[in-house]
């Protein structure tokens, strides 16, 4: 009975941890909350101003005033500060989101580079296994032996698969070097 080998992480496979997208940092969550709060405050200010203006327009001459023009204008003046606060919160959120995205993309790219190196090493190992077997397959065929195993005749297909994988790795590396960087995400922006 064969003993099962304990599963250990082979050297060079620490890319797996690097390919995990981390959760949003606390600072980004706080920036999102700050923007939500600023938007809510601005919207409440707008509602208050609209109500003040409606109240002002509905006043009947000769009746006590519920609100003066100056009071309605004063409420309207507060909107500029609320918009400024919202803009500042939006800018802070965008800065936090960009910092998180940049750090995450750098981490993911490092993981992908390690993955590509690891796959390249494994392809080299396959080459070392398949090359002598390919030579043996040719010799077996030349000597006229027919074996009830289909692996040896399929070694050429395996070699082709290894070469295709190398081409894919090389193309992905060329593409990564040629690109200007990641496509920016807009998931952090809140619609106004």
N, C-alpha and C. Protein backbone atom coordinates (compact mmCIF):
# COMPACT_ATOMS: atom_id res chain seq x y z
N UNK A 1 0.85 -1.18 0.00
CA UNK A 1 0.00 0.00 0.00
C UNK A 1 0.89 1.23 0.00
N UNK A 2 0.68 2.08 -0.95
CA UNK A 2 1.51 3.29 -1.07
C UNK A 2 1.12 4.30 -0.02
N UNK A 3 2.12 4.94 0.53
CA UNK A 3 1.86 5.99 1.52
C UNK A 3 1.60 7.30 0.80
N UNK A 4 0.64 8.03 1.31
CA UNK A 4 0.35 9.34 0.74
C UNK A 4 1.38 10.33 1.23
N UNK A 5 1.89 11.14 0.33
CA UNK A 5 2.83 12.18 0.71
C UNK A 5 2.07 13.33 1.33
N UNK A 6 2.66 13.92 2.34
CA UNK A 6 2.04 15.10 2.96
C UNK A 6 2.08 16.24 1.96
N UNK A 7 0.98 16.94 1.86
CA UNK A 7 0.94 18.07 0.93
C UNK A 7 1.69 19.25 1.53
N UNK A 8 2.72 19.64 0.86
CA UNK A 8 3.46 20.83 1.27
C UNK A 8 3.50 21.77 0.08
N UNK A 9 3.66 23.01 0.38
CA UNK A 9 3.72 24.00 -0.68
C UNK A 9 5.13 23.96 -1.28
N UNK A 10 5.26 23.59 -2.56
CA UNK A 10 6.58 23.55 -3.18
C UNK A 10 7.21 24.94 -3.20
N UNK A 11 8.53 24.95 -3.20
CA UNK A 11 9.24 26.23 -3.25
C UNK A 11 8.85 26.98 -4.50
N UNK A 12 8.75 28.27 -4.39
CA UNK A 12 8.40 29.10 -5.55
C UNK A 12 6.91 29.25 -5.76
N UNK A 13 6.09 28.60 -4.95
CA UNK A 13 4.65 28.69 -5.15
C UNK A 13 3.98 29.64 -4.16
N UNK A 14 4.73 30.61 -3.68
CA UNK A 14 4.14 31.60 -2.78
C UNK A 14 3.31 32.62 -3.56
N UNK A 15 3.22 32.45 -4.86
CA UNK A 15 2.37 33.32 -5.68
C UNK A 15 0.90 33.15 -5.31
N UNK A 16 0.53 32.01 -4.79
CA UNK A 16 -0.88 31.75 -4.47
C UNK A 16 -1.39 32.78 -3.47
N UNK A 17 -0.58 33.06 -2.45
CA UNK A 17 -0.97 34.08 -1.47
C UNK A 17 -1.02 35.47 -2.11
N UNK A 18 -0.10 35.72 -3.04
CA UNK A 18 -0.06 37.04 -3.68
C UNK A 18 -1.21 37.26 -4.65
N UNK A 19 -1.85 36.20 -5.11
CA UNK A 19 -2.96 36.34 -6.05
C UNK A 19 -4.30 36.52 -5.35
N UNK A 20 -4.29 36.50 -4.04
CA UNK A 20 -5.53 36.75 -3.29
C UNK A 20 -5.73 38.25 -3.16
N UNK A 21 -6.87 38.73 -3.60
CA UNK A 21 -7.17 40.17 -3.49
C UNK A 21 -7.50 40.47 -2.03
N UNK A 22 -6.75 41.40 -1.44
CA UNK A 22 -7.00 41.71 -0.03
C UNK A 22 -8.31 42.46 0.15
N UNK A 23 -8.87 42.41 1.35
CA UNK A 23 -10.08 43.20 1.60
C UNK A 23 -9.74 44.68 1.60
N UNK A 24 -10.76 45.50 1.42
CA UNK A 24 -10.54 46.94 1.44
C UNK A 24 -9.97 47.35 2.80
N UNK A 25 -8.99 48.23 2.81
CA UNK A 25 -8.44 48.68 4.09
C UNK A 25 -9.44 49.57 4.84
N UNK A 26 -9.21 49.69 6.13
CA UNK A 26 -10.09 50.49 6.98
C UNK A 26 -10.16 51.94 6.49
N UNK A 27 -9.03 52.46 6.03
CA UNK A 27 -9.01 53.86 5.57
C UNK A 27 -9.92 54.05 4.36
N UNK A 28 -9.98 53.07 3.47
CA UNK A 28 -10.86 53.16 2.30
C UNK A 28 -12.32 53.06 2.73
N UNK A 29 -12.60 52.17 3.65
CA UNK A 29 -13.98 52.05 4.15
C UNK A 29 -14.43 53.34 4.83
N UNK A 30 -13.53 53.95 5.59
CA UNK A 30 -13.87 55.22 6.25
C UNK A 30 -14.09 56.32 5.22
N UNK A 31 -13.27 56.34 4.16
CA UNK A 31 -13.44 57.35 3.11
C UNK A 31 -14.78 57.16 2.40
N UNK A 32 -15.18 55.90 2.18
CA UNK A 32 -16.49 55.64 1.58
C UNK A 32 -17.61 56.14 2.48
N UNK A 33 -17.48 55.85 3.79
CA UNK A 33 -18.50 56.31 4.74
C UNK A 33 -18.55 57.83 4.80
N UNK A 34 -17.37 58.47 4.75
CA UNK A 34 -17.33 59.94 4.79
C UNK A 34 -18.04 60.52 3.57
N UNK A 35 -17.83 59.92 2.41
CA UNK A 35 -18.50 60.42 1.21
C UNK A 35 -20.01 60.20 1.31
N UNK A 36 -20.42 59.03 1.78
CA UNK A 36 -21.86 58.79 1.95
C UNK A 36 -22.46 59.83 2.89
N UNK A 37 -21.75 60.13 3.98
CA UNK A 37 -22.22 61.14 4.93
C UNK A 37 -22.30 62.51 4.31
N UNK A 38 -21.28 62.87 3.52
CA UNK A 38 -21.26 64.18 2.87
C UNK A 38 -22.38 64.30 1.84
N UNK A 39 -22.62 63.23 1.10
CA UNK A 39 -23.72 63.23 0.12
C UNK A 39 -25.06 63.38 0.85
N UNK A 40 -25.23 62.65 1.93
CA UNK A 40 -26.48 62.73 2.69
C UNK A 40 -26.68 64.13 3.26
N UNK A 41 -25.60 64.74 3.76
CA UNK A 41 -25.70 66.10 4.32
C UNK A 41 -26.05 67.11 3.23
N UNK A 42 -25.42 66.98 2.07
CA UNK A 42 -25.71 67.89 0.96
C UNK A 42 -27.16 67.73 0.51
N UNK A 43 -27.62 66.49 0.38
CA UNK A 43 -29.00 66.25 -0.04
C UNK A 43 -29.98 66.81 0.99
N UNK A 44 -29.68 66.64 2.27
CA UNK A 44 -30.55 67.19 3.31
C UNK A 44 -30.56 68.72 3.24
N UNK A 45 -29.40 69.31 2.97
CA UNK A 45 -29.33 70.77 2.82
C UNK A 45 -30.14 71.25 1.63
N UNK A 46 -30.09 70.50 0.54
CA UNK A 46 -30.88 70.86 -0.64
C UNK A 46 -32.37 70.79 -0.33
N UNK A 47 -32.78 69.74 0.34
CA UNK A 47 -34.19 69.59 0.69
C UNK A 47 -34.63 70.75 1.57
N UNK A 48 -33.80 71.10 2.54
CA UNK A 48 -34.12 72.20 3.45
C UNK A 48 -34.24 73.52 2.68
N UNK A 49 -33.34 73.75 1.73
CA UNK A 49 -33.37 74.98 0.94
C UNK A 49 -34.61 75.01 0.05
N UNK A 50 -34.91 73.90 -0.60
CA UNK A 50 -36.10 73.84 -1.47
C UNK A 50 -37.35 74.10 -0.64
N UNK A 51 -37.44 73.50 0.53
CA UNK A 51 -38.60 73.72 1.40
C UNK A 51 -38.69 75.18 1.84
N UNK A 52 -37.55 75.79 2.15
CA UNK A 52 -37.54 77.20 2.57
C UNK A 52 -38.02 78.09 1.43
N UNK A 53 -37.58 77.80 0.22
CA UNK A 53 -37.99 78.62 -0.93
C UNK A 53 -39.49 78.43 -1.21
N UNK A 54 -39.98 77.22 -1.09
CA UNK A 54 -41.42 76.98 -1.30
C UNK A 54 -42.24 77.71 -0.24
N UNK A 55 -41.76 77.64 0.98
CA UNK A 55 -42.45 78.32 2.08
C UNK A 55 -42.47 79.83 1.84
N UNK A 56 -41.35 80.36 1.36
CA UNK A 56 -41.25 81.79 1.07
C UNK A 56 -42.23 82.18 -0.04
N UNK A 57 -42.31 81.36 -1.09
CA UNK A 57 -43.19 81.66 -2.22
C UNK A 57 -44.67 81.56 -1.85
N UNK A 58 -45.02 80.71 -0.90
CA UNK A 58 -46.41 80.50 -0.53
C UNK A 58 -46.92 81.50 0.52
N UNK A 59 -46.05 82.35 0.98
CA UNK A 59 -46.48 83.30 2.01
C UNK A 59 -47.52 84.26 1.44
N UNK A 60 -48.48 84.56 2.22
CA UNK A 60 -49.56 85.46 1.82
C UNK A 60 -49.27 86.84 2.42
N UNK A 61 -49.41 87.84 1.56
CA UNK A 61 -49.19 89.21 2.05
C UNK A 61 -50.20 89.54 3.14
N UNK A 62 -49.75 90.25 4.15
CA UNK A 62 -50.62 90.63 5.24
C UNK A 62 -50.70 89.58 6.34
N UNK A 63 -50.05 88.45 6.14
CA UNK A 63 -50.00 87.38 7.14
C UNK A 63 -48.59 87.37 7.76
N UNK A 64 -48.47 86.85 8.97
CA UNK A 64 -47.13 86.78 9.58
C UNK A 64 -46.22 85.91 8.71
N UNK A 65 -44.98 86.34 8.59
CA UNK A 65 -44.03 85.60 7.76
C UNK A 65 -43.54 84.35 8.49
N UNK A 66 -43.54 83.23 7.77
CA UNK A 66 -42.99 81.99 8.32
C UNK A 66 -41.48 81.97 8.13
N UNK A 67 -41.01 82.65 7.08
CA UNK A 67 -39.59 82.71 6.78
C UNK A 67 -39.33 83.99 5.98
N UNK A 68 -38.18 84.57 6.18
CA UNK A 68 -37.83 85.78 5.43
C UNK A 68 -36.95 85.39 4.25
N UNK A 69 -36.83 86.30 3.30
CA UNK A 69 -35.94 86.08 2.15
C UNK A 69 -34.51 85.87 2.65
N UNK A 70 -34.10 86.64 3.64
CA UNK A 70 -32.74 86.52 4.18
C UNK A 70 -32.51 85.14 4.79
N UNK A 71 -33.51 84.62 5.49
CA UNK A 71 -33.38 83.28 6.08
C UNK A 71 -33.28 82.20 5.00
N UNK A 72 -34.10 82.32 3.96
CA UNK A 72 -34.05 81.35 2.86
C UNK A 72 -32.70 81.43 2.14
N UNK A 73 -32.21 82.67 1.93
CA UNK A 73 -30.91 82.83 1.28
C UNK A 73 -29.78 82.28 2.14
N UNK A 74 -29.90 82.46 3.44
CA UNK A 74 -28.88 81.94 4.36
C UNK A 74 -28.81 80.41 4.28
N UNK A 75 -29.97 79.79 4.21
CA UNK A 75 -30.00 78.33 4.05
C UNK A 75 -29.35 77.94 2.73
N UNK A 76 -29.62 78.71 1.68
CA UNK A 76 -29.02 78.44 0.38
C UNK A 76 -27.50 78.61 0.40
N UNK A 77 -27.02 79.57 1.20
CA UNK A 77 -25.57 79.80 1.29
C UNK A 77 -24.84 78.60 1.90
N UNK A 78 -25.52 77.85 2.75
CA UNK A 78 -24.86 76.69 3.37
C UNK A 78 -24.58 75.58 2.35
N UNK A 79 -25.29 75.62 1.22
CA UNK A 79 -25.09 74.57 0.21
C UNK A 79 -23.68 74.58 -0.36
N UNK A 80 -23.08 75.76 -0.51
CA UNK A 80 -21.72 75.84 -1.06
C UNK A 80 -20.75 75.05 -0.18
N UNK A 81 -20.87 75.21 1.13
CA UNK A 81 -20.01 74.46 2.04
C UNK A 81 -20.27 72.96 1.98
N UNK A 82 -21.54 72.59 1.83
CA UNK A 82 -21.88 71.18 1.75
C UNK A 82 -21.33 70.54 0.47
N UNK A 83 -21.41 71.30 -0.64
CA UNK A 83 -20.83 70.80 -1.90
C UNK A 83 -19.32 70.67 -1.78
N UNK A 84 -18.68 71.65 -1.13
CA UNK A 84 -17.23 71.60 -0.96
C UNK A 84 -16.82 70.40 -0.10
N UNK A 85 -17.58 70.14 0.95
CA UNK A 85 -17.30 68.98 1.80
C UNK A 85 -17.45 67.69 1.01
N UNK A 86 -18.48 67.63 0.18
CA UNK A 86 -18.69 66.44 -0.64
C UNK A 86 -17.55 66.26 -1.63
N UNK A 87 -17.12 67.36 -2.27
CA UNK A 87 -16.01 67.27 -3.22
C UNK A 87 -14.73 66.81 -2.53
N UNK A 88 -14.48 67.33 -1.32
CA UNK A 88 -13.30 66.90 -0.56
C UNK A 88 -13.38 65.42 -0.21
N UNK A 89 -14.56 64.98 0.19
CA UNK A 89 -14.75 63.56 0.53
C UNK A 89 -14.56 62.68 -0.71
N UNK A 90 -15.05 63.16 -1.85
CA UNK A 90 -14.88 62.40 -3.11
C UNK A 90 -13.40 62.30 -3.46
N UNK A 91 -12.67 63.42 -3.33
CA UNK A 91 -11.24 63.42 -3.63
C UNK A 91 -10.48 62.49 -2.68
N UNK A 92 -10.84 62.52 -1.40
CA UNK A 92 -10.19 61.65 -0.42
C UNK A 92 -10.46 60.18 -0.74
N UNK A 93 -11.69 59.88 -1.12
CA UNK A 93 -12.04 58.51 -1.49
C UNK A 93 -11.25 58.07 -2.72
N UNK A 94 -11.17 58.92 -3.71
CA UNK A 94 -10.43 58.57 -4.93
C UNK A 94 -8.96 58.33 -4.62
N UNK A 95 -8.38 59.15 -3.74
CA UNK A 95 -6.97 58.96 -3.37
C UNK A 95 -6.77 57.63 -2.63
N UNK A 96 -7.66 57.33 -1.70
CA UNK A 96 -7.58 56.06 -0.96
C UNK A 96 -7.78 54.87 -1.91
N UNK A 97 -8.74 54.99 -2.81
CA UNK A 97 -9.02 53.91 -3.76
C UNK A 97 -7.83 53.69 -4.68
N UNK A 98 -7.22 54.76 -5.15
CA UNK A 98 -6.06 54.64 -6.03
C UNK A 98 -4.89 53.99 -5.31
N UNK A 99 -4.65 54.40 -4.06
CA UNK A 99 -3.56 53.80 -3.29
C UNK A 99 -3.80 52.30 -3.09
N UNK A 100 -5.04 51.93 -2.76
CA UNK A 100 -5.38 50.52 -2.58
C UNK A 100 -5.23 49.76 -3.89
N UNK A 101 -5.74 50.35 -4.97
CA UNK A 101 -5.66 49.69 -6.27
C UNK A 101 -4.21 49.52 -6.71
N UNK A 102 -3.41 50.56 -6.56
CA UNK A 102 -2.00 50.48 -6.96
C UNK A 102 -1.27 49.38 -6.18
N UNK A 103 -1.49 49.35 -4.87
CA UNK A 103 -0.84 48.33 -4.04
C UNK A 103 -1.32 46.93 -4.41
N UNK A 104 -2.62 46.79 -4.66
CA UNK A 104 -3.18 45.49 -4.99
C UNK A 104 -2.69 45.02 -6.36
N UNK A 105 -2.67 45.93 -7.33
CA UNK A 105 -2.20 45.56 -8.67
C UNK A 105 -0.73 45.15 -8.62
N UNK A 106 0.09 45.90 -7.88
CA UNK A 106 1.51 45.55 -7.77
C UNK A 106 1.66 44.15 -7.16
N UNK A 107 0.88 43.88 -6.14
CA UNK A 107 0.93 42.57 -5.48
C UNK A 107 0.49 41.46 -6.45
N UNK A 108 -0.60 41.70 -7.18
CA UNK A 108 -1.08 40.70 -8.14
C UNK A 108 -0.08 40.46 -9.26
N UNK A 109 0.54 41.54 -9.74
CA UNK A 109 1.54 41.38 -10.81
C UNK A 109 2.75 40.60 -10.31
N UNK A 110 3.16 40.85 -9.06
CA UNK A 110 4.25 40.06 -8.48
C UNK A 110 3.86 38.58 -8.43
N UNK A 111 2.63 38.32 -8.00
CA UNK A 111 2.16 36.94 -7.94
C UNK A 111 2.13 36.28 -9.31
N UNK A 112 1.68 37.03 -10.31
CA UNK A 112 1.64 36.48 -11.67
C UNK A 112 3.04 36.22 -12.21
N UNK A 113 3.98 37.08 -11.87
CA UNK A 113 5.37 36.89 -12.31
C UNK A 113 5.95 35.62 -11.67
N UNK A 114 5.69 35.44 -10.38
CA UNK A 114 6.17 34.24 -9.70
C UNK A 114 5.48 33.00 -10.29
N UNK A 115 4.19 33.12 -10.58
CA UNK A 115 3.46 32.01 -11.21
C UNK A 115 4.09 31.65 -12.55
N UNK A 116 4.38 32.67 -13.37
CA UNK A 116 4.98 32.42 -14.68
C UNK A 116 6.35 31.75 -14.52
N UNK A 117 7.14 32.23 -13.57
CA UNK A 117 8.45 31.61 -13.33
C UNK A 117 8.30 30.16 -12.88
N UNK A 118 7.33 29.91 -12.00
CA UNK A 118 7.10 28.56 -11.50
C UNK A 118 6.64 27.63 -12.62
N UNK A 119 5.73 28.12 -13.45
CA UNK A 119 5.26 27.31 -14.58
C UNK A 119 6.43 27.04 -15.53
N UNK A 120 7.26 28.06 -15.78
CA UNK A 120 8.43 27.87 -16.63
C UNK A 120 9.37 26.79 -16.08
N UNK A 121 9.58 26.82 -14.75
CA UNK A 121 10.42 25.79 -14.12
C UNK A 121 9.81 24.41 -14.29
N UNK A 122 8.50 24.32 -14.12
CA UNK A 122 7.83 23.01 -14.26
C UNK A 122 7.89 22.53 -15.71
N UNK A 123 7.83 23.45 -16.66
CA UNK A 123 7.96 23.06 -18.06
C UNK A 123 9.37 22.53 -18.33
N UNK A 124 10.37 23.15 -17.71
CA UNK A 124 11.74 22.65 -17.85
C UNK A 124 11.86 21.23 -17.28
N UNK A 125 11.20 21.00 -16.13
CA UNK A 125 11.21 19.66 -15.54
C UNK A 125 10.54 18.66 -16.48
N UNK A 126 9.43 19.06 -17.08
CA UNK A 126 8.76 18.18 -18.05
C UNK A 126 9.67 17.89 -19.24
N UNK A 127 10.37 18.91 -19.70
CA UNK A 127 11.33 18.70 -20.79
C UNK A 127 12.35 17.63 -20.41
N UNK A 128 12.88 17.74 -19.19
CA UNK A 128 13.89 16.77 -18.75
C UNK A 128 13.31 15.35 -18.64
N UNK A 129 12.02 15.25 -18.35
CA UNK A 129 11.38 13.94 -18.29
C UNK A 129 11.05 13.40 -19.68
N UNK A 130 10.55 14.26 -20.53
CA UNK A 130 10.02 13.83 -21.83
C UNK A 130 11.12 13.59 -22.86
N UNK A 131 12.19 14.38 -22.84
CA UNK A 131 13.22 14.24 -23.87
C UNK A 131 13.82 12.83 -23.93
N UNK A 132 14.29 12.26 -22.80
CA UNK A 132 14.83 10.89 -22.88
C UNK A 132 13.76 9.87 -23.29
N UNK A 133 12.53 10.08 -22.83
CA UNK A 133 11.46 9.15 -23.18
C UNK A 133 11.16 9.23 -24.67
N UNK A 134 11.27 10.42 -25.25
CA UNK A 134 11.04 10.58 -26.69
C UNK A 134 12.10 9.80 -27.47
N UNK A 135 13.34 9.91 -27.03
CA UNK A 135 14.43 9.16 -27.68
C UNK A 135 14.17 7.66 -27.55
N UNK A 136 13.74 7.23 -26.36
CA UNK A 136 13.44 5.81 -26.14
C UNK A 136 12.28 5.37 -27.03
N UNK A 137 11.27 6.21 -27.19
CA UNK A 137 10.12 5.86 -28.03
C UNK A 137 10.54 5.64 -29.47
N UNK A 138 11.43 6.50 -29.97
CA UNK A 138 11.91 6.34 -31.35
C UNK A 138 12.66 5.02 -31.49
N UNK A 139 13.52 4.71 -30.52
CA UNK A 139 14.29 3.47 -30.58
C UNK A 139 13.38 2.25 -30.50
N UNK A 140 12.38 2.31 -29.61
CA UNK A 140 11.44 1.18 -29.47
C UNK A 140 10.70 0.96 -30.78
N UNK A 141 10.27 2.04 -31.41
CA UNK A 141 9.55 1.94 -32.68
C UNK A 141 10.46 1.39 -33.78
N UNK A 142 11.71 1.89 -33.82
CA UNK A 142 12.64 1.44 -34.86
C UNK A 142 12.96 -0.05 -34.72
N UNK A 143 12.94 -0.56 -33.52
CA UNK A 143 13.25 -1.98 -33.31
C UNK A 143 12.02 -2.86 -33.47
N UNK A 144 10.87 -2.23 -33.74
CA UNK A 144 9.68 -3.01 -34.07
C UNK A 144 8.85 -3.48 -32.90
N UNK A 145 9.10 -2.94 -31.73
CA UNK A 145 8.28 -3.35 -30.58
C UNK A 145 6.98 -2.56 -30.56
N UNK A 146 5.90 -3.27 -30.25
CA UNK A 146 4.59 -2.64 -30.10
C UNK A 146 4.16 -2.88 -28.66
N UNK A 147 3.98 -1.81 -27.94
CA UNK A 147 3.62 -1.92 -26.52
C UNK A 147 2.14 -1.59 -26.34
N UNK A 148 1.49 -2.24 -25.36
CA UNK A 148 0.07 -1.96 -25.12
C UNK A 148 -0.13 -0.70 -24.26
N UNK A 149 0.70 0.28 -24.45
CA UNK A 149 0.62 1.53 -23.70
C UNK A 149 0.65 2.67 -24.71
N UNK A 150 -0.21 3.63 -24.56
CA UNK A 150 -0.29 4.69 -25.57
C UNK A 150 0.52 5.94 -25.21
N UNK A 151 1.25 5.90 -24.10
CA UNK A 151 1.99 7.09 -23.69
C UNK A 151 3.13 7.42 -24.66
N UNK A 152 3.93 6.43 -25.01
CA UNK A 152 5.09 6.71 -25.87
C UNK A 152 4.69 7.33 -27.21
N UNK A 153 3.67 6.82 -27.89
CA UNK A 153 3.30 7.46 -29.16
C UNK A 153 2.77 8.89 -28.98
N UNK A 154 2.32 9.21 -27.80
CA UNK A 154 1.74 10.53 -27.57
C UNK A 154 2.76 11.54 -27.04
N UNK A 155 3.99 11.15 -26.91
CA UNK A 155 5.01 12.07 -26.39
C UNK A 155 5.18 13.29 -27.29
N UNK A 156 5.03 13.09 -28.60
CA UNK A 156 5.15 14.24 -29.50
C UNK A 156 4.06 15.26 -29.21
N UNK A 157 2.84 14.78 -28.91
CA UNK A 157 1.75 15.70 -28.54
C UNK A 157 2.08 16.42 -27.23
N UNK A 158 2.67 15.70 -26.30
CA UNK A 158 3.06 16.31 -25.03
C UNK A 158 4.11 17.39 -25.26
N UNK A 159 5.10 17.10 -26.12
CA UNK A 159 6.13 18.10 -26.45
C UNK A 159 5.48 19.33 -27.08
N UNK A 160 4.51 19.11 -27.94
CA UNK A 160 3.81 20.23 -28.58
C UNK A 160 3.07 21.06 -27.53
N UNK A 161 2.44 20.39 -26.57
CA UNK A 161 1.75 21.11 -25.50
C UNK A 161 2.70 21.94 -24.65
N UNK A 162 3.88 21.37 -24.38
CA UNK A 162 4.89 22.12 -23.60
C UNK A 162 5.31 23.37 -24.37
N UNK A 163 5.55 23.22 -25.66
CA UNK A 163 5.97 24.38 -26.47
C UNK A 163 4.86 25.42 -26.57
N UNK A 164 3.61 24.97 -26.70
CA UNK A 164 2.49 25.92 -26.73
C UNK A 164 2.39 26.69 -25.42
N UNK A 165 2.59 26.00 -24.31
CA UNK A 165 2.54 26.67 -23.01
C UNK A 165 3.67 27.69 -22.89
N UNK A 166 4.86 27.34 -23.38
CA UNK A 166 5.98 28.30 -23.37
C UNK A 166 5.62 29.55 -24.19
N UNK A 167 5.01 29.34 -25.35
CA UNK A 167 4.62 30.48 -26.19
C UNK A 167 3.61 31.37 -25.45
N UNK A 168 2.65 30.74 -24.78
CA UNK A 168 1.67 31.52 -24.01
C UNK A 168 2.34 32.33 -22.90
N UNK A 169 3.26 31.70 -22.18
CA UNK A 169 3.98 32.42 -21.12
C UNK A 169 4.77 33.59 -21.68
N UNK A 170 5.48 33.34 -22.77
CA UNK A 170 6.28 34.41 -23.37
C UNK A 170 5.40 35.54 -23.89
N UNK A 171 4.27 35.18 -24.49
CA UNK A 171 3.36 36.22 -25.00
C UNK A 171 2.78 37.04 -23.85
N UNK A 172 2.43 36.38 -22.75
CA UNK A 172 1.87 37.14 -21.62
C UNK A 172 2.92 38.06 -21.02
N UNK A 173 4.16 37.63 -20.98
CA UNK A 173 5.23 38.51 -20.46
C UNK A 173 5.47 39.68 -21.40
N UNK A 174 5.46 39.42 -22.71
CA UNK A 174 5.63 40.53 -23.65
C UNK A 174 4.49 41.52 -23.52
N UNK A 175 3.27 41.00 -23.37
CA UNK A 175 2.10 41.87 -23.23
C UNK A 175 2.20 42.71 -21.96
N UNK A 176 2.65 42.08 -20.87
CA UNK A 176 2.78 42.81 -19.60
C UNK A 176 3.82 43.92 -19.72
N UNK A 177 4.91 43.66 -20.42
CA UNK A 177 5.95 44.68 -20.58
C UNK A 177 5.50 45.80 -21.51
N UNK A 178 4.66 45.47 -22.49
CA UNK A 178 4.23 46.47 -23.47
C UNK A 178 3.09 47.34 -22.97
N UNK A 179 2.35 46.87 -21.97
CA UNK A 179 1.19 47.64 -21.51
C UNK A 179 1.63 48.81 -20.65
N UNK A 180 0.77 49.81 -20.59
CA UNK A 180 1.05 51.00 -19.80
C UNK A 180 0.65 50.83 -18.35
N UNK A 181 0.23 49.68 -17.97
CA UNK A 181 -0.20 49.46 -16.59
C UNK A 181 -1.63 48.98 -16.57
N UNK A 182 -2.16 48.84 -15.38
CA UNK A 182 -3.51 48.30 -15.26
C UNK A 182 -4.57 49.28 -15.73
N UNK A 183 -5.70 48.74 -16.10
CA UNK A 183 -6.85 49.57 -16.44
C UNK A 183 -7.44 50.07 -15.14
N UNK A 184 -7.57 51.39 -14.98
CA UNK A 184 -8.07 51.90 -13.70
C UNK A 184 -9.51 51.46 -13.45
N UNK A 185 -9.78 51.16 -12.22
CA UNK A 185 -11.12 50.76 -11.83
C UNK A 185 -11.90 52.00 -11.43
N UNK A 186 -13.18 52.00 -11.70
CA UNK A 186 -14.01 53.12 -11.27
C UNK A 186 -15.03 52.66 -10.23
N UNK A 187 -14.78 51.50 -9.65
CA UNK A 187 -15.74 50.94 -8.69
C UNK A 187 -15.82 51.76 -7.41
N UNK A 188 -14.83 52.61 -7.18
CA UNK A 188 -14.80 53.37 -5.94
C UNK A 188 -15.62 54.64 -6.04
N UNK A 189 -15.95 55.05 -7.24
CA UNK A 189 -16.70 56.29 -7.42
C UNK A 189 -18.17 56.07 -7.11
N UNK A 190 -18.74 57.00 -6.44
CA UNK A 190 -20.17 56.95 -6.18
C UNK A 190 -20.85 57.92 -7.13
N UNK A 191 -21.96 57.51 -7.67
CA UNK A 191 -22.70 58.39 -8.58
C UNK A 191 -23.28 59.55 -7.80
N UNK A 192 -23.18 60.71 -8.41
CA UNK A 192 -23.76 61.90 -7.78
C UNK A 192 -25.18 62.07 -8.22
